[in-house]
Amino acid sequence: MLSYGAIHNKPHVFQSLTGLKVEEFEQLLPPFEQAWIAYVEEHHIQNRTRQRQYGAGRKSQLNAIEDKLLFILVYFRLYPTQAVQGFLFGIGQPQAHEWVHKLSGVLNVALGYENQLPEREPHRLEAVLQQYPSLEFIIDGTERRINRPKDKDDQKQYYSGKKKAHTVKNNVISVRRGKVVFLSDTYEGKKHDKAIGDEEDYEFPPGSKLWQDTGFQGFQPKGVTTIQPKKKPPKQELTEAQKQRNREISSQRVEIEHQLGGIKRCKIVVDKFRNRVAHYVDDVMETACGLHNFRLSYR
């Protein structure tokens, strides 16, 4: 059975299972414990329908706060089925399901305490970006596969012709040589990256420089210098100078691909998403961004 006590002295195994080094895990543990105490206070202690005192009855296999954090980090990192997750931690699938959704929220709150979560509200984007004096940002879209929706209309909306699969999409904005600072809402796979940007109406500080790819062709926020590769005109070829310029831009933009790669250390945002609980597909992407930012901060 997996437990913190059994693997904390095996650093390579620990990092493979959680995505964090042992030292980073221990840095995250205090805010996670604070978030857990707040959760218990709100949902259990103040719950007037309880028939007995919180903590009475049979002790959970995840009694230690270290094991709770290990449980949810392993789930995000490896994304096993809940039956397998329960087996690893010595509990049944129904208990695993309950702990997954309970501790996902607690982990998200803990990352919020550490100021590692990206901004989600477009109307606050400009104020957030003002904090970075370089005023140089990168934007990109990312898709994740999901199970085919049951509703026929949803099947059409979530089908991505690019991926030939049912997907959801987010736009991500990062600071050059910095963190992921903004994550858009989660949209159906049919929606274009630029259409998401237009709908959310991003505003940047005047004088900003924005690196973007051809998926944002025509996206031009007010007061912003946009830099993007030149598309090949229909039935024509790019000149050698234009190709060289595109290579130069791509060599700078590759930074956002590294950021997305860091986010996708969590297999829960890489593998086909199986969970149908409302909003959970959006919540896990926010938390994965927070974990990536957390690693950047402590390395």
C-alpha atoms as a PDB file:
ATOM      1  CA  MET A   1       0.000   0.000   0.000  1.00  0.00           C
ATOM      2  CA  LEU A   2       1.334   3.424  -0.947  1.00  0.00           C
ATOM      3  CA  SER A   3       2.081   5.842   1.875  1.00  0.00           C
ATOM      4  CA  TYR A   4       4.361   8.810   2.438  1.00  0.00           C
ATOM      5  CA  GLY A   5       6.318   6.889   5.068  1.00  0.00           C
ATOM      6  CA  ALA A   6       7.040   4.074   2.622  1.00  0.00           C
ATOM      7  CA  ILE A   7       8.436   6.170  -0.249  1.00  0.00           C
ATOM      8  CA  HIS A   8       9.680   9.525   1.113  1.00  0.00           C
ATOM      9  CA  ASN A   9      13.222   8.091   1.311  1.00  0.00           C
ATOM     10  CA  LYS A  10      13.111   6.972  -2.346  1.00  0.00           C
ATOM     11  CA  PRO A  11      13.458  10.335  -4.152  1.00  0.00           C
ATOM     12  CA  HIS A  12      13.408   9.045  -7.743  1.00  0.00           C
ATOM     13  CA  VAL A  13      10.345   6.889  -7.162  1.00  0.00           C
ATOM     14  CA  PHE A  14       8.687   9.703  -5.206  1.00  0.00           C
ATOM     15  CA  GLN A  15       9.186  12.210  -8.035  1.00  0.00           C
ATOM     16  CA  SER A  16       7.975   9.722 -10.650  1.00  0.00           C
ATOM     17  CA  LEU A  17       4.777   9.125  -8.665  1.00  0.00           C
ATOM     18  CA  THR A  18       3.973  12.721  -7.710  1.00  0.00           C
ATOM     19  CA  GLY A  19       5.790  15.026 -10.145  1.00  0.00           C
ATOM     20  CA  LEU A  20       7.368  16.808  -7.163  1.00  0.00           C
ATOM     21  CA  LYS A  21      10.645  16.392  -5.352  1.00  0.00           C
ATOM     22  CA  VAL A  22      10.389  15.421  -1.682  1.00  0.00           C
ATOM     23  CA  GLU A  23      11.500  18.944  -0.677  1.00  0.00           C
ATOM     24  CA  GLU A  24       8.786  20.496  -2.860  1.00  0.00           C
ATOM     25  CA  PHE A  25       6.196  18.126  -1.394  1.00  0.00           C
ATOM     26  CA  GLU A  26       7.184  19.279   2.090  1.00  0.00           C
ATOM     27  CA  GLN A  27       6.885  22.932   0.979  1.00  0.00           C
ATOM     28  CA  LEU A  28       3.356  22.285  -0.287  1.00  0.00           C
ATOM     29  CA  LEU A  29       2.296  20.294   2.784  1.00  0.00           C
ATOM     30  CA  PRO A  30       1.637  23.234   5.219  1.00  0.00           C
ATOM     31  CA  PRO A  31      -0.745  25.138   2.873  1.00  0.00           C
ATOM     32  CA  PHE A  32      -2.406  21.830   1.951  1.00  0.00           C
ATOM     33  CA  GLU A  33      -2.978  21.074   5.631  1.00  0.00           C
ATOM     34  CA  GLN A  34      -4.371  24.589   6.141  1.00  0.00           C
ATOM     35  CA  ALA A  35      -6.746  24.061   3.202  1.00  0.00           C
ATOM     36  CA  TRP A  36      -7.807  20.667   4.597  1.00  0.00           C
ATOM     37  CA  ILE A  37      -8.571  22.145   8.023  1.00  0.00           C
ATOM     38  CA  ALA A  38     -10.685  24.839   6.334  1.00  0.00           C
ATOM     39  CA  TYR A  39     -12.511  22.157   4.314  1.00  0.00           C
ATOM     40  CA  VAL A  40     -13.265  20.061   7.425  1.00  0.00           C
ATOM     41  CA  GLU A  41     -14.478  23.128   9.312  1.00  0.00           C
ATOM     42  CA  GLU A  42     -16.854  24.126   6.515  1.00  0.00           C
ATOM     43  CA  HIS A  43     -18.185  20.732   5.436  1.00  0.00           C
ATOM     44  CA  HIS A  44     -18.106  18.663   8.622  1.00  0.00           C
ATOM     45  CA  ILE A  45     -17.734  20.575  11.876  1.00  0.00           C
ATOM     46  CA  GLN A  46     -20.237  23.305  10.952  1.00  0.00           C
ATOM     47  CA  ASN A  47     -22.612  20.789   9.367  1.00  0.00           C
ATOM     48  CA  ARG A  48     -25.626  20.839  11.703  1.00  0.00           C
ATOM     49  CA  THR A  49     -27.062  17.619  10.276  1.00  0.00           C
ATOM     50  CA  ARG A  50     -24.177  15.536  11.678  1.00  0.00           C
ATOM     51  CA  GLN A  51     -25.236  12.869  14.193  1.00  0.00           C
ATOM     52  CA  ARG A  52     -21.838  12.400  15.829  1.00  0.00           C
ATOM     53  CA  GLN A  53     -18.642  14.322  16.381  1.00  0.00           C
ATOM     54  CA  TYR A  54     -16.234  14.633  13.442  1.00  0.00           C
ATOM     55  CA  GLY A  55     -13.426  12.062  13.733  1.00  0.00           C
ATOM     56  CA  ALA A  56     -15.530   9.395  15.451  1.00  0.00           C
ATOM     57  CA  GLY A  57     -15.899   5.950  13.937  1.00  0.00           C
ATOM     58  CA  ARG A  58     -13.487   3.861  11.892  1.00  0.00           C
ATOM     59  CA  LYS A  59     -10.209   5.560  10.948  1.00  0.00           C
ATOM     60  CA  SER A  60      -9.551   6.231   7.266  1.00  0.00           C
ATOM     61  CA  GLN A  61      -6.630   4.698   5.401  1.00  0.00           C
ATOM     62  CA  LEU A  62      -5.775   8.296   4.451  1.00  0.00           C
ATOM     63  CA  ASN A  63      -5.673   9.511   8.027  1.00  0.00           C
ATOM     64  CA  ALA A  64      -2.289  11.303   7.815  1.00  0.00           C
ATOM     65  CA  ILE A  65      -2.226  14.648   5.978  1.00  0.00           C
ATOM     66  CA  GLU A  66       0.919  13.502   4.118  1.00  0.00           C
ATOM     67  CA  ASP A  67      -0.977  10.526   2.713  1.00  0.00           C
ATOM     68  CA  LYS A  68      -3.869  12.736   1.626  1.00  0.00           C
ATOM     69  CA  LEU A  69      -1.518  14.983  -0.356  1.00  0.00           C
ATOM     70  CA  LEU A  70       0.314  11.957  -1.773  1.00  0.00           C
ATOM     71  CA  PHE A  71      -3.017  10.439  -2.843  1.00  0.00           C
ATOM     72  CA  ILE A  72      -4.150  13.397  -4.912  1.00  0.00           C
ATOM     73  CA  LEU A  73      -0.720  14.120  -6.408  1.00  0.00           C
ATOM     74  CA  VAL A  74      -0.422  10.502  -7.574  1.00  0.00           C
ATOM     75  CA  TYR A  75      -3.886  10.750  -9.136  1.00  0.00           C
ATOM     76  CA  PHE A  76      -3.000  13.933 -11.031  1.00  0.00           C
ATOM     77  CA  ARG A  77       0.417  12.651 -12.063  1.00  0.00           C
ATOM     78  CA  LEU A  78      -0.544   9.141 -13.241  1.00  0.00           C
ATOM     79  CA  TYR A  79      -4.343   9.404 -13.775  1.00  0.00           C
ATOM     80  CA  PRO A  80      -5.116   5.729 -13.058  1.00  0.00           C
ATOM     81  CA  THR A  81      -8.683   4.476 -12.976  1.00  0.00           C
ATOM     82  CA  GLN A  82     -10.290   5.032  -9.611  1.00  0.00           C
ATOM     83  CA  ALA A  83     -10.329   1.284  -8.972  1.00  0.00           C
ATOM     84  CA  VAL A  84      -6.539   1.182  -9.425  1.00  0.00           C
ATOM     85  CA  GLN A  85      -6.097   4.355  -7.373  1.00  0.00           C
ATOM     86  CA  GLY A  86      -8.088   2.788  -4.550  1.00  0.00           C
ATOM     87  CA  PHE A  87      -6.089  -0.445  -4.740  1.00  0.00           C
ATOM     88  CA  LEU A  88      -2.799   1.482  -4.496  1.00  0.00           C
ATOM     89  CA  PHE A  89      -3.955   3.167  -1.288  1.00  0.00           C
ATOM     90  CA  GLY A  90      -5.844   0.264   0.270  1.00  0.00           C
ATOM     91  CA  ILE A  91      -9.393   1.550  -0.251  1.00  0.00           C
ATOM     92  CA  GLY A  92     -12.313   0.680  -2.534  1.00  0.00           C
ATOM     93  CA  GLN A  93     -13.317   2.425  -5.749  1.00  0.00           C
ATOM     94  CA  PRO A  94     -16.268   4.313  -4.186  1.00  0.00           C
ATOM     95  CA  GLN A  95     -13.985   5.686  -1.453  1.00  0.00           C
ATOM     96  CA  ALA A  96     -11.357   6.565  -4.057  1.00  0.00           C
ATOM     97  CA  HIS A  97     -13.975   8.493  -6.044  1.00  0.00           C
ATOM     98  CA  GLU A  98     -14.996  10.445  -2.951  1.00  0.00           C
ATOM     99  CA  TRP A  99     -11.397  11.256  -1.972  1.00  0.00           C
ATOM    100  CA  VAL A 100     -10.436  12.285  -5.524  1.00  0.00           C
ATOM    101  CA  HIS A 101     -13.082  15.004  -5.683  1.00  0.00           C
ATOM    102  CA  LYS A 102     -12.689  16.063  -2.081  1.00  0.00           C
ATOM    103  CA  LEU A 103      -8.891  16.409  -2.244  1.00  0.00           C
ATOM    104  CA  SER A 104      -8.824  17.945  -5.730  1.00  0.00           C
ATOM    105  CA  GLY A 105     -10.556  21.009  -4.322  1.00  0.00           C
ATOM    106  CA  VAL A 106      -8.288  21.074  -1.274  1.00  0.00           C
ATOM    107  CA  LEU A 107      -5.157  20.927  -3.483  1.00  0.00           C
ATOM    108  CA  ASN A 108      -6.491  23.768  -5.621  1.00  0.00           C
ATOM    109  CA  VAL A 109      -7.118  25.928  -2.535  1.00  0.00           C
ATOM    110  CA  ALA A 110      -3.623  25.143  -1.225  1.00  0.00           C
ATOM    111  CA  LEU A 111      -2.059  26.302  -4.497  1.00  0.00           C
ATOM    112  CA  GLY A 112      -4.187  29.429  -4.226  1.00  0.00           C
ATOM    113  CA  TYR A 113      -2.753  30.081  -0.754  1.00  0.00           C
ATOM    114  CA  GLU A 114       0.703  29.915  -2.390  1.00  0.00           C
ATOM    115  CA  ASN A 115      -0.371  32.362  -5.170  1.00  0.00           C
ATOM    116  CA  GLN A 116       0.427  29.787  -7.852  1.00  0.00           C
ATOM    117  CA  LEU A 117      -2.924  29.588  -9.657  1.00  0.00           C
ATOM    118  CA  PRO A 118      -3.357  31.422 -12.985  1.00  0.00           C
ATOM    119  CA  GLU A 119      -5.883  34.241 -13.311  1.00  0.00           C
ATOM    120  CA  ARG A 120      -9.214  33.047 -14.747  1.00  0.00           C
ATOM    121  CA  GLU A 121     -11.187  36.296 -15.150  1.00  0.00           C
ATOM    122  CA  PRO A 122     -10.448  38.136 -18.453  1.00  0.00           C
ATOM    123  CA  HIS A 123     -11.515  41.511 -16.997  1.00  0.00           C
ATOM    124  CA  ARG A 124      -8.672  41.254 -14.457  1.00  0.00           C
ATOM    125  CA  LEU A 125      -6.040  40.206 -16.991  1.00  0.00           C
ATOM    126  CA  GLU A 126      -4.614  43.665 -17.683  1.00  0.00           C
ATOM    127  CA  ALA A 127      -4.134  44.408 -13.978  1.00  0.00           C
ATOM    128  CA  VAL A 128      -2.389  41.052 -13.464  1.00  0.00           C
ATOM    129  CA  LEU A 129      -0.059  41.568 -16.428  1.00  0.00           C
ATOM    130  CA  GLN A 130       0.880  45.055 -15.205  1.00  0.00           C
ATOM    131  CA  GLN A 131       2.864  43.343 -12.441  1.00  0.00           C
ATOM    132  CA  TYR A 132       5.414  42.111 -15.001  1.00  0.00           C
ATOM    133  CA  PRO A 133       7.524  45.088 -16.136  1.00  0.00           C
ATOM    134  CA  SER A 134       8.935  43.296 -19.196  1.00  0.00           C
ATOM    135  CA  LEU A 135       5.420  43.441 -20.741  1.00  0.00           C
ATOM    136  CA  GLU A 136       6.344  40.490 -22.960  1.00  0.00           C
ATOM    137  CA  PHE A 137       3.892  37.599 -23.125  1.00  0.00           C
ATOM    138  CA  ILE A 138       3.149  34.435 -25.088  1.00  0.00           C
ATOM    139  CA  ILE A 139      -0.311  33.078 -25.904  1.00  0.00           C
ATOM    140  CA  ASP A 140      -1.217  29.629 -27.171  1.00  0.00           C
ATOM    141  CA  GLY A 141      -4.138  27.225 -27.253  1.00  0.00           C
ATOM    142  CA  THR A 142      -4.116  23.653 -26.006  1.00  0.00           C
ATOM    143  CA  GLU A 143      -6.544  20.778 -26.573  1.00  0.00           C
ATOM    144  CA  ARG A 144      -7.393  17.771 -24.434  1.00  0.00           C
ATOM    145  CA  ARG A 145      -9.275  14.662 -25.520  1.00  0.00           C
ATOM    146  CA  ILE A 146     -12.494  13.704 -23.729  1.00  0.00           C
ATOM    147  CA  ASN A 147     -14.947  10.824 -23.978  1.00  0.00           C
ATOM    148  CA  ARG A 148     -17.517  11.246 -26.720  1.00  0.00           C
ATOM    149  CA  PRO A 149     -20.507  13.146 -25.289  1.00  0.00           C
ATOM    150  CA  LYS A 150     -23.817  11.287 -25.191  1.00  0.00           C
ATOM    151  CA  ASP A 151     -25.847  14.195 -26.630  1.00  0.00           C
ATOM    152  CA  LYS A 152     -25.714  14.430 -30.446  1.00  0.00           C
ATOM    153  CA  ASP A 153     -25.478  18.223 -30.467  1.00  0.00           C
ATOM    154  CA  ASP A 154     -22.621  18.084 -27.961  1.00  0.00           C
ATOM    155  CA  GLN A 155     -20.880  15.505 -30.151  1.00  0.00           C
ATOM    156  CA  LYS A 156     -20.767  18.049 -32.982  1.00  0.00           C
ATOM    157  CA  GLN A 157     -19.678  20.907 -30.724  1.00  0.00           C
ATOM    158  CA  TYR A 158     -16.869  18.985 -29.059  1.00  0.00           C
ATOM    159  CA  TYR A 159     -15.523  17.319 -32.207  1.00  0.00           C
ATOM    160  CA  SER A 160     -12.200  18.819 -33.263  1.00  0.00           C
ATOM    161  CA  GLY A 161     -11.430  18.443 -36.960  1.00  0.00           C
ATOM    162  CA  LYS A 162      -7.778  19.144 -36.206  1.00  0.00           C
ATOM    163  CA  LYS A 163      -7.445  16.332 -33.650  1.00  0.00           C
ATOM    164  CA  LYS A 164     -10.071  14.048 -35.241  1.00  0.00           C
ATOM    165  CA  ALA A 165     -11.444  13.477 -31.755  1.00  0.00           C
ATOM    166  CA  HIS A 166     -13.776  15.006 -29.179  1.00  0.00           C
ATOM    167  CA  THR A 167     -11.801  17.596 -27.223  1.00  0.00           C
ATOM    168  CA  VAL A 168     -11.925  20.642 -24.991  1.00  0.00           C
ATOM    169  CA  LYS A 169      -9.770  23.751 -25.414  1.00  0.00           C
ATOM    170  CA  ASN A 170      -8.096  26.410 -23.291  1.00  0.00           C
ATOM    171  CA  ASN A 171      -5.996  29.452 -24.091  1.00  0.00           C
ATOM    172  CA  VAL A 172      -2.897  29.904 -21.960  1.00  0.00           C
ATOM    173  CA  ILE A 173      -0.909  33.126 -21.476  1.00  0.00           C
ATOM    174  CA  SER A 174       2.547  33.051 -19.919  1.00  0.00           C
ATOM    175  CA  VAL A 175       5.186  35.644 -19.158  1.00  0.00           C
ATOM    176  CA  ARG A 176       8.426  35.345 -21.122  1.00  0.00           C
ATOM    177  CA  ARG A 177      10.867  33.448 -18.896  1.00  0.00           C
ATOM    178  CA  GLY A 178       8.140  33.252 -16.225  1.00  0.00           C
ATOM    179  CA  LYS A 179       4.965  31.501 -15.107  1.00  0.00           C
ATOM    180  CA  VAL A 180       1.586  30.748 -16.625  1.00  0.00           C
ATOM    181  CA  VAL A 181      -0.377  33.828 -15.581  1.00  0.00           C
ATOM    182  CA  PHE A 182      -3.739  33.296 -17.295  1.00  0.00           C
ATOM    183  CA  LEU A 183      -5.921  30.324 -18.188  1.00  0.00           C
ATOM    184  CA  SER A 184      -9.095  30.810 -20.194  1.00  0.00           C
ATOM    185  CA  ASP A 185     -12.360  29.070 -19.509  1.00  0.00           C
ATOM    186  CA  THR A 186     -12.684  25.562 -20.993  1.00  0.00           C
ATOM    187  CA  TYR A 187     -14.435  25.496 -24.391  1.00  0.00           C
ATOM    188  CA  GLU A 188     -15.699  22.875 -26.789  1.00  0.00           C
ATOM    189  CA  GLY A 189     -13.117  21.479 -29.231  1.00  0.00           C
ATOM    190  CA  LYS A 190     -14.821  22.977 -32.284  1.00  0.00           C
ATOM    191  CA  LYS A 191     -14.067  26.526 -31.116  1.00  0.00           C
ATOM    192  CA  HIS A 192     -11.034  28.246 -32.649  1.00  0.00           C
ATOM    193  CA  ASP A 193      -8.182  29.622 -30.511  1.00  0.00           C
ATOM    194  CA  LYS A 194      -8.705  33.146 -31.864  1.00  0.00           C
ATOM    195  CA  ALA A 195     -12.469  32.895 -31.310  1.00  0.00           C
ATOM    196  CA  ILE A 196     -11.817  32.163 -27.632  1.00  0.00           C
ATOM    197  CA  GLY A 197      -9.574  35.226 -27.432  1.00  0.00           C
ATOM    198  CA  ASP A 198     -12.153  37.397 -29.156  1.00  0.00           C
ATOM    199  CA  GLU A 199     -14.984  36.142 -26.941  1.00  0.00           C
ATOM    200  CA  GLU A 200     -13.040  36.700 -23.712  1.00  0.00           C
ATOM    201  CA  ASP A 201     -11.844  40.096 -25.014  1.00  0.00           C
ATOM    202  CA  TYR A 202      -8.329  40.094 -23.569  1.00  0.00           C
ATOM    203  CA  GLU A 203      -6.843  43.465 -22.684  1.00  0.00           C
ATOM    204  CA  PHE A 204      -3.081  43.894 -22.244  1.00  0.00           C
ATOM    205  CA  PRO A 205      -1.103  46.776 -20.733  1.00  0.00           C
ATOM    206  CA  PRO A 206      -0.268  49.404 -23.380  1.00  0.00           C
ATOM    207  CA  GLY A 207       3.105  48.741 -24.969  1.00  0.00           C
ATOM    208  CA  SER A 208       2.932  44.965 -24.452  1.00  0.00           C
ATOM    209  CA  LYS A 209       4.560  42.549 -26.856  1.00  0.00           C
ATOM    210  CA  LEU A 210       2.583  39.377 -27.582  1.00  0.00           C
ATOM    211  CA  TRP A 211       4.066  36.291 -29.258  1.00  0.00           C
ATOM    212  CA  GLN A 212       1.426  34.112 -30.922  1.00  0.00           C
ATOM    213  CA  ASP A 213       1.137  31.391 -33.559  1.00  0.00           C
ATOM    214  CA  THR A 214      -0.890  31.289 -36.749  1.00  0.00           C
ATOM    215  CA  GLY A 215      -3.892  29.975 -34.812  1.00  0.00           C
ATOM    216  CA  PHE A 216      -4.348  33.609 -33.727  1.00  0.00           C
ATOM    217  CA  GLN A 217      -4.179  35.049 -37.251  1.00  0.00           C
ATOM    218  CA  GLY A 218      -5.937  38.430 -37.111  1.00  0.00           C
ATOM    219  CA  PHE A 219      -5.911  38.609 -33.304  1.00  0.00           C
ATOM    220  CA  GLN A 220      -4.744  42.140 -32.511  1.00  0.00           C
ATOM    221  CA  PRO A 221      -5.499  43.491 -29.021  1.00  0.00           C
ATOM    222  CA  LYS A 222      -5.453  47.269 -28.732  1.00  0.00           C
ATOM    223  CA  GLY A 223      -2.058  48.838 -27.949  1.00  0.00           C
ATOM    224  CA  VAL A 224      -0.183  45.529 -28.330  1.00  0.00           C
ATOM    225  CA  THR A 225       2.625  44.588 -30.720  1.00  0.00           C
ATOM    226  CA  THR A 226       1.898  41.060 -31.944  1.00  0.00           C
ATOM    227  CA  ILE A 227       4.605  38.803 -33.346  1.00  0.00           C
ATOM    228  CA  GLN A 228       3.619  35.678 -35.253  1.00  0.00           C
ATOM    229  CA  PRO A 229       4.897  33.534 -38.139  1.00  0.00           C
ATOM    230  CA  LYS A 230       3.757  34.458 -41.623  1.00  0.00           C
ATOM    231  CA  LYS A 231       1.299  32.071 -43.220  1.00  0.00           C
ATOM    232  CA  LYS A 232       2.055  30.676 -46.656  1.00  0.00           C
ATOM    233  CA  PRO A 233      -0.220  32.443 -49.177  1.00  0.00           C
ATOM    234  CA  PRO A 234      -2.563  30.215 -51.222  1.00  0.00           C
ATOM    235  CA  LYS A 235      -0.749  28.632 -54.201  1.00  0.00           C
ATOM    236  CA  GLN A 236       2.418  30.568 -53.364  1.00  0.00           C
ATOM    237  CA  GLU A 237       5.628  29.964 -51.441  1.00  0.00           C
ATOM    238  CA  LEU A 238       7.275  31.993 -48.711  1.00  0.00           C
ATOM    239  CA  THR A 239      10.554  33.688 -49.532  1.00  0.00           C
ATOM    240  CA  GLU A 240      13.753  32.494 -47.866  1.00  0.00           C
ATOM    241  CA  ALA A 241      13.754  35.673 -45.750  1.00  0.00           C
ATOM    242  CA  GLN A 242      10.206  34.969 -44.581  1.00  0.00           C
ATOM    243  CA  LYS A 243      11.075  31.351 -43.757  1.00  0.00           C
ATOM    244  CA  GLN A 244      14.093  32.488 -41.757  1.00  0.00           C
ATOM    245  CA  ARG A 245      11.954  35.011 -39.884  1.00  0.00           C
ATOM    246  CA  ASN A 246       9.413  32.275 -39.092  1.00  0.00           C
ATOM    247  CA  ARG A 247      12.189  30.097 -37.692  1.00  0.00           C
ATOM    248  CA  GLU A 248      13.399  32.951 -35.501  1.00  0.00           C
ATOM    249  CA  ILE A 249       9.888  33.542 -34.150  1.00  0.00           C
ATOM    250  CA  SER A 250       9.386  29.812 -33.524  1.00  0.00           C
ATOM    251  CA  SER A 251      12.668  29.628 -31.607  1.00  0.00           C
ATOM    252  CA  GLN A 252      11.301  32.294 -29.234  1.00  0.00           C
ATOM    253  CA  ARG A 253       7.768  30.905 -29.056  1.00  0.00           C
ATOM    254  CA  VAL A 254       9.016  27.428 -28.140  1.00  0.00           C
ATOM    255  CA  GLU A 255       9.008  28.669 -24.548  1.00  0.00           C
ATOM    256  CA  ILE A 256       5.208  28.329 -24.385  1.00  0.00           C
ATOM    257  CA  GLU A 257       5.543  24.723 -25.560  1.00  0.00           C
ATOM    258  CA  HIS A 258       7.872  24.108 -22.626  1.00  0.00           C
ATOM    259  CA  GLN A 259       5.261  25.667 -20.328  1.00  0.00           C
ATOM    260  CA  LEU A 260       2.532  23.428 -21.727  1.00  0.00           C
ATOM    261  CA  GLY A 261       4.866  20.455 -21.360  1.00  0.00           C
ATOM    262  CA  GLY A 262       5.319  21.366 -17.692  1.00  0.00           C
ATOM    263  CA  ILE A 263       1.554  21.553 -17.194  1.00  0.00           C
ATOM    264  CA  LYS A 264       1.146  18.198 -18.910  1.00  0.00           C
ATOM    265  CA  ARG A 265       3.403  16.403 -16.480  1.00  0.00           C
ATOM    266  CA  CYS A 266       0.020  15.732 -14.938  1.00  0.00           C
ATOM    267  CA  LYS A 267      -1.368  12.858 -16.992  1.00  0.00           C
ATOM    268  CA  ILE A 268      -4.860  13.917 -16.012  1.00  0.00           C
ATOM    269  CA  VAL A 269      -4.610  16.694 -18.646  1.00  0.00           C
ATOM    270  CA  VAL A 270      -2.890  14.453 -21.230  1.00  0.00           C
ATOM    271  CA  ASP A 271      -4.839  11.182 -21.312  1.00  0.00           C
ATOM    272  CA  LYS A 272      -8.423  11.044 -22.547  1.00  0.00           C
ATOM    273  CA  PHE A 273     -10.479  12.615 -19.760  1.00  0.00           C
ATOM    274  CA  ARG A 274     -12.906  10.041 -18.377  1.00  0.00           C
ATOM    275  CA  ASN A 275     -14.645  11.939 -15.585  1.00  0.00           C
ATOM    276  CA  ARG A 276     -18.078  13.445 -16.263  1.00  0.00           C
ATOM    277  CA  VAL A 277     -18.536  15.402 -13.015  1.00  0.00           C
ATOM    278  CA  ALA A 278     -19.588  18.961 -13.901  1.00  0.00           C
ATOM    279  CA  HIS A 279     -16.725  21.477 -14.221  1.00  0.00           C
ATOM    280  CA  TYR A 280     -14.081  18.941 -13.174  1.00  0.00           C
ATOM    281  CA  VAL A 281     -12.474  19.017 -16.652  1.00  0.00           C
ATOM    282  CA  ASP A 282     -11.895  22.748 -16.118  1.00  0.00           C
ATOM    283  CA  ASP A 283     -10.825  22.444 -12.473  1.00  0.00           C
ATOM    284  CA  VAL A 284      -8.059  19.928 -13.165  1.00  0.00           C
ATOM    285  CA  MET A 285      -6.477  22.146 -15.828  1.00  0.00           C
ATOM    286  CA  GLU A 286      -6.326  25.061 -13.393  1.00  0.00           C
ATOM    287  CA  THR A 287      -4.744  22.859 -10.729  1.00  0.00           C
ATOM    288  CA  ALA A 288      -2.226  21.414 -13.228  1.00  0.00           C
ATOM    289  CA  CYS A 289      -1.183  24.981 -14.123  1.00  0.00           C
ATOM    290  CA  GLY A 290      -0.824  25.749 -10.411  1.00  0.00           C
ATOM    291  CA  LEU A 291       1.393  22.693  -9.859  1.00  0.00           C
ATOM    292  CA  HIS A 292       3.582  23.741 -12.799  1.00  0.00           C
ATOM    293  CA  ASN A 293       3.924  27.272 -11.408  1.00  0.00           C
ATOM    294  CA  PHE A 294       4.700  25.821  -7.977  1.00  0.00           C
ATOM    295  CA  ARG A 295       7.553  23.759  -9.390  1.00  0.00           C
ATOM    296  CA  LEU A 296       8.946  26.799 -11.204  1.00  0.00           C
ATOM    297  CA  SER A 297       8.883  28.810  -7.987  1.00  0.00           C
ATOM    298  CA  TYR A 298      10.756  26.259  -5.914  1.00  0.00           C
ATOM    299  CA  ARG A 299      13.389  25.185  -8.429  1.00  0.00           C
END
